[in-house]
Amino acid sequence: MLKRGRKWPVLAVRRFMLYDVFLHELGHLQLVNENAHSVRLKYAHEKLAQQFATHWCKQLLSSLFVHLDPVHNPPTEEEIRVFKH
């Protein structure tokens, strides 16, 4: 975990925003009850949307993706060290 009062590395914030928030919102598009009488009940709510995001964040962050923008790469040793302390 981060030490209280320490800033997150810029790439860690970008990675979080890119994967967690985007995938959470995408998770809301999961059709969970196609026979529901209202649109609100047809799609995933918070719990399922976050489970979707968590699952795909783990998949995306655990595999190498060669890209010019380093936000797509796994956390660096420095980022891991900062998060552990």
PDB file of N, CA and C in Angstrom:
ATOM      1  N   MET A   1       0.837  -1.178   0.000  1.00  0.00           N
ATOM      2  CA  MET A   1       0.000   0.000   0.000  1.00  0.00           C
ATOM      3  C   MET A   1       0.882   1.241   0.000  1.00  0.00           C
ATOM      4  N   LEU A   2       0.323   2.336  -0.453  1.00  0.00           N
ATOM      5  CA  LEU A   2       1.054   3.588  -0.453  1.00  0.00           C
ATOM      6  C   LEU A   2       1.162   4.145   0.953  1.00  0.00           C
ATOM      7  N   LYS A   3       2.256   4.858   1.213  1.00  0.00           N
ATOM      8  CA  LYS A   3       2.372   5.555   2.485  1.00  0.00           C
ATOM      9  C   LYS A   3       1.435   6.750   2.461  1.00  0.00           C
ATOM     10  N   ARG A   4       0.856   7.036   3.599  1.00  0.00           N
ATOM     11  CA  ARG A   4      -0.072   8.166   3.702  1.00  0.00           C
ATOM     12  C   ARG A   4       0.627   9.450   3.263  1.00  0.00           C
ATOM     13  N   GLY A   5      -0.048  10.214   2.436  1.00  0.00           N
ATOM     14  CA  GLY A   5       0.488  11.494   1.993  1.00  0.00           C
ATOM     15  C   GLY A   5       1.386  11.430   0.767  1.00  0.00           C
ATOM     16  N   ARG A   6       1.695  10.224   0.303  1.00  0.00           N
ATOM     17  CA  ARG A   6       2.536  10.095  -0.892  1.00  0.00           C
ATOM     18  C   ARG A   6       1.694  10.126  -2.139  1.00  0.00           C
ATOM     19  N   LYS A   7       2.209  10.774  -3.163  1.00  0.00           N
ATOM     20  CA  LYS A   7       1.500  10.821  -4.437  1.00  0.00           C
ATOM     21  C   LYS A   7       1.730   9.532  -5.205  1.00  0.00           C
ATOM     22  N   TRP A   8       0.741   9.143  -5.965  1.00  0.00           N
ATOM     23  CA  TRP A   8       0.898   8.003  -6.863  1.00  0.00           C
ATOM     24  C   TRP A   8       1.756   8.433  -8.037  1.00  0.00           C
ATOM     25  N   PRO A   9       2.571   7.523  -8.588  1.00  0.00           N
ATOM     26  CA  PRO A   9       3.294   7.849  -9.821  1.00  0.00           C
ATOM     27  C   PRO A   9       2.284   8.168 -10.930  1.00  0.00           C
ATOM     28  N   VAL A  10       2.646   9.083 -11.807  1.00  0.00           N
ATOM     29  CA  VAL A  10       1.745   9.531 -12.872  1.00  0.00           C
ATOM     30  C   VAL A  10       1.241   8.359 -13.709  1.00  0.00           C
ATOM     31  N   LEU A  11       2.135   7.449 -14.076  1.00  0.00           N
ATOM     32  CA  LEU A  11       1.707   6.314 -14.893  1.00  0.00           C
ATOM     33  C   LEU A  11       0.743   5.406 -14.149  1.00  0.00           C
ATOM     34  N   ALA A  12       0.901   5.289 -12.846  1.00  0.00           N
ATOM     35  CA  ALA A  12      -0.014   4.461 -12.062  1.00  0.00           C
ATOM     36  C   ALA A  12      -1.419   5.067 -12.074  1.00  0.00           C
ATOM     37  N   VAL A  13      -1.510   6.371 -11.983  1.00  0.00           N
ATOM     38  CA  VAL A  13      -2.811   7.039 -12.025  1.00  0.00           C
ATOM     39  C   VAL A  13      -3.437   6.862 -13.399  1.00  0.00           C
ATOM     40  N   ARG A  14      -2.651   7.061 -14.446  1.00  0.00           N
ATOM     41  CA  ARG A  14      -3.167   6.894 -15.808  1.00  0.00           C
ATOM     42  C   ARG A  14      -3.620   5.458 -16.041  1.00  0.00           C
ATOM     43  N   ARG A  15      -2.847   4.499 -15.542  1.00  0.00           N
ATOM     44  CA  ARG A  15      -3.202   3.092 -15.715  1.00  0.00           C
ATOM     45  C   ARG A  15      -4.514   2.793 -15.002  1.00  0.00           C
ATOM     46  N   PHE A  16      -4.652   3.302 -13.783  1.00  0.00           N
ATOM     47  CA  PHE A  16      -5.884   3.095 -13.034  1.00  0.00           C
ATOM     48  C   PHE A  16      -7.075   3.690 -13.781  1.00  0.00           C
ATOM     49  N   MET A  17      -6.925   4.919 -14.224  1.00  0.00           N
ATOM     50  CA  MET A  17      -8.029   5.583 -14.927  1.00  0.00           C
ATOM     51  C   MET A  17      -8.380   4.841 -16.211  1.00  0.00           C
ATOM     52  N   LEU A  18      -7.361   4.459 -16.950  1.00  0.00           N
ATOM     53  CA  LEU A  18      -7.596   3.806 -18.231  1.00  0.00           C
ATOM     54  C   LEU A  18      -8.321   2.479 -18.068  1.00  0.00           C
ATOM     55  N   TYR A  19      -7.818   1.646 -17.183  1.00  0.00           N
ATOM     56  CA  TYR A  19      -8.376   0.307 -17.058  1.00  0.00           C
ATOM     57  C   TYR A  19      -9.555   0.215 -16.101  1.00  0.00           C
ATOM     58  N   ASP A  20      -9.406   0.658 -14.882  1.00  0.00           N
ATOM     59  CA  ASP A  20     -10.459   0.433 -13.894  1.00  0.00           C
ATOM     60  C   ASP A  20     -11.726   1.216 -14.208  1.00  0.00           C
ATOM     61  N   VAL A  21     -11.593   2.495 -14.413  1.00  0.00           N
ATOM     62  CA  VAL A  21     -12.779   3.320 -14.626  1.00  0.00           C
ATOM     63  C   VAL A  21     -13.449   2.992 -15.955  1.00  0.00           C
ATOM     64  N   PHE A  22     -12.672   2.908 -17.015  1.00  0.00           N
ATOM     65  CA  PHE A  22     -13.263   2.593 -18.315  1.00  0.00           C
ATOM     66  C   PHE A  22     -13.933   1.227 -18.305  1.00  0.00           C
ATOM     67  N   LEU A  23     -13.252   0.228 -17.776  1.00  0.00           N
ATOM     68  CA  LEU A  23     -13.820  -1.116 -17.768  1.00  0.00           C
ATOM     69  C   LEU A  23     -15.041  -1.217 -16.847  1.00  0.00           C
ATOM     70  N   HIS A  24     -15.045  -0.449 -15.773  1.00  0.00           N
ATOM     71  CA  HIS A  24     -16.219  -0.430 -14.904  1.00  0.00           C
ATOM     72  C   HIS A  24     -17.429   0.072 -15.684  1.00  0.00           C
ATOM     73  N   GLU A  25     -17.252   1.169 -16.390  1.00  0.00           N
ATOM     74  CA  GLU A  25     -18.367   1.717 -17.168  1.00  0.00           C
ATOM     75  C   GLU A  25     -18.774   0.755 -18.286  1.00  0.00           C
ATOM     76  N   LEU A  26     -17.802   0.125 -18.901  1.00  0.00           N
ATOM     77  CA  LEU A  26     -18.098  -0.868 -19.928  1.00  0.00           C
ATOM     78  C   LEU A  26     -18.867  -2.050 -19.329  1.00  0.00           C
ATOM     79  N   GLY A  27     -18.540  -2.393 -18.090  1.00  0.00           N
ATOM     80  CA  GLY A  27     -19.223  -3.487 -17.397  1.00  0.00           C
ATOM     81  C   GLY A  27     -20.706  -3.246 -17.223  1.00  0.00           C
ATOM     82  N   HIS A  28     -21.102  -1.976 -17.169  1.00  0.00           N
ATOM     83  CA  HIS A  28     -22.528  -1.666 -17.060  1.00  0.00           C
ATOM     84  C   HIS A  28     -23.298  -2.075 -18.306  1.00  0.00           C
ATOM     85  N   LEU A  29     -22.607  -2.308 -19.405  1.00  0.00           N
ATOM     86  CA  LEU A  29     -23.284  -2.681 -20.651  1.00  0.00           C
ATOM     87  C   LEU A  29     -23.573  -4.178 -20.742  1.00  0.00           C
ATOM     88  N   GLN A  30     -23.182  -4.925 -19.713  1.00  0.00           N
ATOM     89  CA  GLN A  30     -23.481  -6.357 -19.710  1.00  0.00           C
ATOM     90  C   GLN A  30     -24.988  -6.573 -19.582  1.00  0.00           C
ATOM     91  N   LEU A  31     -25.533  -7.346 -20.485  1.00  0.00           N
ATOM     92  CA  LEU A  31     -26.954  -7.681 -20.450  1.00  0.00           C
ATOM     93  C   LEU A  31     -27.139  -8.786 -19.414  1.00  0.00           C
ATOM     94  N   VAL A  32     -27.876  -8.503 -18.350  1.00  0.00           N
ATOM     95  CA  VAL A  32     -28.062  -9.492 -17.290  1.00  0.00           C
ATOM     96  C   VAL A  32     -29.476 -10.062 -17.254  1.00  0.00           C
ATOM     97  N   ASN A  33     -30.434  -9.342 -17.840  1.00  0.00           N
ATOM     98  CA  ASN A  33     -31.812  -9.836 -17.878  1.00  0.00           C
ATOM     99  C   ASN A  33     -32.499  -9.255 -19.111  1.00  0.00           C
ATOM    100  N   GLU A  34     -32.401  -9.952 -20.217  1.00  0.00           N
ATOM    101  CA  GLU A  34     -32.948  -9.420 -21.466  1.00  0.00           C
ATOM    102  C   GLU A  34     -34.472  -9.349 -21.472  1.00  0.00           C
ATOM    103  N   ASN A  35     -35.108 -10.029 -20.559  1.00  0.00           N
ATOM    104  CA  ASN A  35     -36.572 -10.011 -20.490  1.00  0.00           C
ATOM    105  C   ASN A  35     -37.118  -9.001 -19.483  1.00  0.00           C
ATOM    106  N   ALA A  36     -36.255  -8.180 -18.901  1.00  0.00           N
ATOM    107  CA  ALA A  36     -36.700  -7.190 -17.915  1.00  0.00           C
ATOM    108  C   ALA A  36     -37.650  -6.188 -18.565  1.00  0.00           C
ATOM    109  N   HIS A  37     -38.537  -5.666 -17.751  1.00  0.00           N
ATOM    110  CA  HIS A  37     -39.545  -4.728 -18.267  1.00  0.00           C
ATOM    111  C   HIS A  37     -39.013  -3.309 -18.435  1.00  0.00           C
ATOM    112  N   SER A  38     -37.878  -3.003 -17.819  1.00  0.00           N
ATOM    113  CA  SER A  38     -37.303  -1.666 -17.980  1.00  0.00           C
ATOM    114  C   SER A  38     -35.844  -1.786 -18.397  1.00  0.00           C
ATOM    115  N   VAL A  39     -35.371  -0.764 -19.068  1.00  0.00           N
ATOM    116  CA  VAL A  39     -33.971  -0.738 -19.517  1.00  0.00           C
ATOM    117  C   VAL A  39     -33.035  -0.789 -18.319  1.00  0.00           C
ATOM    118  N   ARG A  40     -33.400  -0.109 -17.238  1.00  0.00           N
ATOM    119  CA  ARG A  40     -32.567  -0.054 -16.035  1.00  0.00           C
ATOM    120  C   ARG A  40     -32.277  -1.438 -15.469  1.00  0.00           C
ATOM    121  N   LEU A  41     -33.222  -2.360 -15.594  1.00  0.00           N
ATOM    122  CA  LEU A  41     -33.059  -3.700 -15.029  1.00  0.00           C
ATOM    123  C   LEU A  41     -32.403  -4.688 -16.002  1.00  0.00           C
ATOM    124  N   LYS A  42     -32.219  -4.285 -17.235  1.00  0.00           N
ATOM    125  CA  LYS A  42     -31.635  -5.183 -18.230  1.00  0.00           C
ATOM    126  C   LYS A  42     -30.120  -5.299 -18.111  1.00  0.00           C
ATOM    127  N   TYR A  43     -29.488  -4.246 -17.599  1.00  0.00           N
ATOM    128  CA  TYR A  43     -28.029  -4.191 -17.620  1.00  0.00           C
ATOM    129  C   TYR A  43     -27.426  -4.246 -16.218  1.00  0.00           C
ATOM    130  N   ALA A  44     -26.159  -4.562 -16.162  1.00  0.00           N
ATOM    131  CA  ALA A  44     -25.460  -4.767 -14.894  1.00  0.00           C
ATOM    132  C   ALA A  44     -25.413  -3.497 -14.047  1.00  0.00           C
ATOM    133  N   HIS A  45     -25.575  -3.691 -12.752  1.00  0.00           N
ATOM    134  CA  HIS A  45     -25.454  -2.593 -11.795  1.00  0.00           C
ATOM    135  C   HIS A  45     -24.030  -2.568 -11.248  1.00  0.00           C
ATOM    136  N   GLU A  46     -23.811  -1.811 -10.197  1.00  0.00           N
ATOM    137  CA  GLU A  46     -22.463  -1.537  -9.688  1.00  0.00           C
ATOM    138  C   GLU A  46     -21.637  -2.796  -9.391  1.00  0.00           C
ATOM    139  N   LYS A  47     -22.217  -3.734  -8.662  1.00  0.00           N
ATOM    140  CA  LYS A  47     -21.446  -4.912  -8.239  1.00  0.00           C
ATOM    141  C   LYS A  47     -20.926  -5.705  -9.440  1.00  0.00           C
ATOM    142  N   LEU A  48     -21.780  -6.003 -10.403  1.00  0.00           N
ATOM    143  CA  LEU A  48     -21.341  -6.767 -11.579  1.00  0.00           C
ATOM    144  C   LEU A  48     -20.407  -5.958 -12.468  1.00  0.00           C
ATOM    145  N   ALA A  49     -20.662  -4.660 -12.572  1.00  0.00           N
ATOM    146  CA  ALA A  49     -19.785  -3.809 -13.376  1.00  0.00           C
ATOM    147  C   ALA A  49     -18.377  -3.793 -12.791  1.00  0.00           C
ATOM    148  N   GLN A  50     -18.266  -3.713 -11.447  1.00  0.00           N
ATOM    149  CA  GLN A  50     -16.939  -3.697 -10.823  1.00  0.00           C
ATOM    150  C   GLN A  50     -16.264  -5.060 -10.910  1.00  0.00           C
ATOM    151  N   GLN A  51     -17.025  -6.132 -10.808  1.00  0.00           N
ATOM    152  CA  GLN A  51     -16.439  -7.470 -10.976  1.00  0.00           C
ATOM    153  C   GLN A  51     -15.866  -7.615 -12.379  1.00  0.00           C
ATOM    154  N   PHE A  52     -16.581  -7.132 -13.368  1.00  0.00           N
ATOM    155  CA  PHE A  52     -16.116  -7.145 -14.751  1.00  0.00           C
ATOM    156  C   PHE A  52     -14.806  -6.358 -14.866  1.00  0.00           C
ATOM    157  N   ALA A  53     -14.793  -5.147 -14.294  1.00  0.00           N
ATOM    158  CA  ALA A  53     -13.594  -4.295 -14.352  1.00  0.00           C
ATOM    159  C   ALA A  53     -12.406  -4.952 -13.657  1.00  0.00           C
ATOM    160  N   THR A  54     -12.630  -5.510 -12.495  1.00  0.00           N
ATOM    161  CA  THR A  54     -11.549  -6.148 -11.741  1.00  0.00           C
ATOM    162  C   THR A  54     -10.973  -7.337 -12.510  1.00  0.00           C
ATOM    163  N   HIS A  55     -11.834  -8.150 -13.066  1.00  0.00           N
ATOM    164  CA  HIS A  55     -11.381  -9.312 -13.835  1.00  0.00           C
ATOM    165  C   HIS A  55     -10.503  -8.870 -15.005  1.00  0.00           C
ATOM    166  N   TRP A  56     -10.990  -7.914 -15.792  1.00  0.00           N
ATOM    167  CA  TRP A  56     -10.249  -7.502 -16.983  1.00  0.00           C
ATOM    168  C   TRP A  56      -9.023  -6.662 -16.654  1.00  0.00           C
ATOM    169  N   CYS A  57      -9.045  -5.921 -15.557  1.00  0.00           N
ATOM    170  CA  CYS A  57      -7.830  -5.199 -15.124  1.00  0.00           C
ATOM    171  C   CYS A  57      -6.713  -6.194 -14.844  1.00  0.00           C
ATOM    172  N   LYS A  58      -7.047  -7.255 -14.134  1.00  0.00           N
ATOM    173  CA  LYS A  58      -6.038  -8.277 -13.832  1.00  0.00           C
ATOM    174  C   LYS A  58      -5.498  -8.895 -15.110  1.00  0.00           C
ATOM    175  N   GLN A  59      -6.371  -9.168 -16.063  1.00  0.00           N
ATOM    176  CA  GLN A  59      -5.929  -9.756 -17.334  1.00  0.00           C
ATOM    177  C   GLN A  59      -5.021  -8.802 -18.095  1.00  0.00           C
ATOM    178  N   LEU A  60      -5.429  -7.558 -18.193  1.00  0.00           N
ATOM    179  CA  LEU A  60      -4.678  -6.584 -18.981  1.00  0.00           C
ATOM    180  C   LEU A  60      -3.353  -6.206 -18.335  1.00  0.00           C
ATOM    181  N   LEU A  61      -3.335  -6.076 -17.015  1.00  0.00           N
ATOM    182  CA  LEU A  61      -2.111  -5.665 -16.335  1.00  0.00           C
ATOM    183  C   LEU A  61      -1.119  -6.810 -16.162  1.00  0.00           C
ATOM    184  N   SER A  62      -1.563  -8.044 -16.374  1.00  0.00           N
ATOM    185  CA  SER A  62      -0.653  -9.178 -16.187  1.00  0.00           C
ATOM    186  C   SER A  62       0.004  -9.621 -17.490  1.00  0.00           C
ATOM    187  N   SER A  63      -0.361  -9.006 -18.595  1.00  0.00           N
ATOM    188  CA  SER A  63       0.245  -9.410 -19.865  1.00  0.00           C
ATOM    189  C   SER A  63       0.917  -8.213 -20.542  1.00  0.00           C
ATOM    190  N   LEU A  64       2.001  -8.505 -21.204  1.00  0.00           N
ATOM    191  CA  LEU A  64       2.763  -7.463 -21.881  1.00  0.00           C
ATOM    192  C   LEU A  64       2.035  -7.021 -23.136  1.00  0.00           C
ATOM    193  N   PHE A  65       1.936  -5.721 -23.297  1.00  0.00           N
ATOM    194  CA  PHE A  65       1.325  -5.130 -24.482  1.00  0.00           C
ATOM    195  C   PHE A  65       2.314  -4.098 -24.999  1.00  0.00           C
ATOM    196  N   VAL A  66       2.989  -4.402 -26.071  1.00  0.00           N
ATOM    197  CA  VAL A  66       4.015  -3.503 -26.598  1.00  0.00           C
ATOM    198  C   VAL A  66       3.324  -2.291 -27.221  1.00  0.00           C
ATOM    199  N   HIS A  67       3.601  -1.138 -26.649  1.00  0.00           N
ATOM    200  CA  HIS A  67       2.953   0.087 -27.090  1.00  0.00           C
ATOM    201  C   HIS A  67       3.872   1.254 -26.753  1.00  0.00           C
ATOM    202  N   LEU A  68       3.830   2.297 -27.544  1.00  0.00           N
ATOM    203  CA  LEU A  68       4.684   3.459 -27.292  1.00  0.00           C
ATOM    204  C   LEU A  68       4.317   4.174 -26.002  1.00  0.00           C
ATOM    205  N   ASP A  69       3.055   4.128 -25.618  1.00  0.00           N
ATOM    206  CA  ASP A  69       2.616   4.764 -24.381  1.00  0.00           C
ATOM    207  C   ASP A  69       2.849   3.782 -23.233  1.00  0.00           C
ATOM    208  N   PRO A  70       3.757   4.101 -22.293  1.00  0.00           N
ATOM    209  CA  PRO A  70       4.097   3.154 -21.224  1.00  0.00           C
ATOM    210  C   PRO A  70       2.962   2.844 -20.263  1.00  0.00           C
ATOM    211  N   VAL A  71       1.855   3.579 -20.339  1.00  0.00           N
ATOM    212  CA  VAL A  71       0.734   3.288 -19.451  1.00  0.00           C
ATOM    213  C   VAL A  71       0.165   1.902 -19.721  1.00  0.00           C
ATOM    214  N   HIS A  72       0.396   1.366 -20.898  1.00  0.00           N
ATOM    215  CA  HIS A  72      -0.125   0.049 -21.246  1.00  0.00           C
ATOM    216  C   HIS A  72       0.779  -1.081 -20.785  1.00  0.00           C
ATOM    217  N   ASN A  73       1.949  -0.762 -20.310  1.00  0.00           N
ATOM    218  CA  ASN A  73       2.893  -1.785 -19.865  1.00  0.00           C
ATOM    219  C   ASN A  73       2.636  -2.140 -18.400  1.00  0.00           C
ATOM    220  N   PRO A  74       3.094  -3.305 -17.954  1.00  0.00           N
ATOM    221  CA  PRO A  74       2.932  -3.667 -16.547  1.00  0.00           C
ATOM    222  C   PRO A  74       3.627  -2.643 -15.651  1.00  0.00           C
ATOM    223  N   PRO A  75       3.249  -2.566 -14.375  1.00  0.00           N
ATOM    224  CA  PRO A  75       3.891  -1.625 -13.461  1.00  0.00           C
ATOM    225  C   PRO A  75       5.407  -1.841 -13.412  1.00  0.00           C
ATOM    226  N   THR A  76       6.138  -0.752 -13.318  1.00  0.00           N
ATOM    227  CA  THR A  76       7.596  -0.838 -13.219  1.00  0.00           C
ATOM    228  C   THR A  76       7.982  -1.305 -11.815  1.00  0.00           C
ATOM    229  N   GLU A  77       9.252  -1.662 -11.639  1.00  0.00           N
ATOM    230  CA  GLU A  77       9.723  -2.077 -10.310  1.00  0.00           C
ATOM    231  C   GLU A  77       9.555  -0.940  -9.311  1.00  0.00           C
ATOM    232  N   GLU A  78       9.783   0.288  -9.759  1.00  0.00           N
ATOM    233  CA  GLU A  78       9.622   1.443  -8.865  1.00  0.00           C
ATOM    234  C   GLU A  78       8.170   1.586  -8.407  1.00  0.00           C
ATOM    235  N   GLU A  79       7.217   1.436  -9.335  1.00  0.00           N
ATOM    236  CA  GLU A  79       5.806   1.537  -8.970  1.00  0.00           C
ATOM    237  C   GLU A  79       5.418   0.433  -7.988  1.00  0.00           C
ATOM    238  N   ILE A  80       5.895  -0.764  -8.230  1.00  0.00           N
ATOM    239  CA  ILE A  80       5.599  -1.885  -7.331  1.00  0.00           C
ATOM    240  C   ILE A  80       6.185  -1.618  -5.958  1.00  0.00           C
ATOM    241  N   ARG A  81       7.417  -1.119  -5.908  1.00  0.00           N
ATOM    242  CA  ARG A  81       8.081  -0.824  -4.637  1.00  0.00           C
ATOM    243  C   ARG A  81       7.298   0.249  -3.870  1.00  0.00           C
ATOM    244  N   VAL A  82       6.847   1.296  -4.563  1.00  0.00           N
ATOM    245  CA  VAL A  82       6.103   2.376  -3.916  1.00  0.00           C
ATOM    246  C   VAL A  82       4.786   1.836  -3.359  1.00  0.00           C
ATOM    247  N   PHE A  83       4.108   0.982  -4.100  1.00  0.00           N
ATOM    248  CA  PHE A  83       2.821   0.465  -3.655  1.00  0.00           C
ATOM    249  C   PHE A  83       2.976  -0.487  -2.474  1.00  0.00           C
ATOM    250  N   LYS A  84       4.093  -1.188  -2.360  1.00  0.00           N
ATOM    251  CA  LYS A  84       4.291  -2.144  -1.267  1.00  0.00           C
ATOM    252  C   LYS A  84       4.606  -1.453   0.052  1.00  0.00           C
ATOM    253  N   HIS A  85       5.161  -0.259  -0.002  1.00  0.00           N
ATOM    254  CA  HIS A  85       5.560   0.437   1.252  1.00  0.00           C
ATOM    255  C   HIS A  85       4.461   1.265   1.791  1.00  0.00           C
TER     256      HIS A  85
END
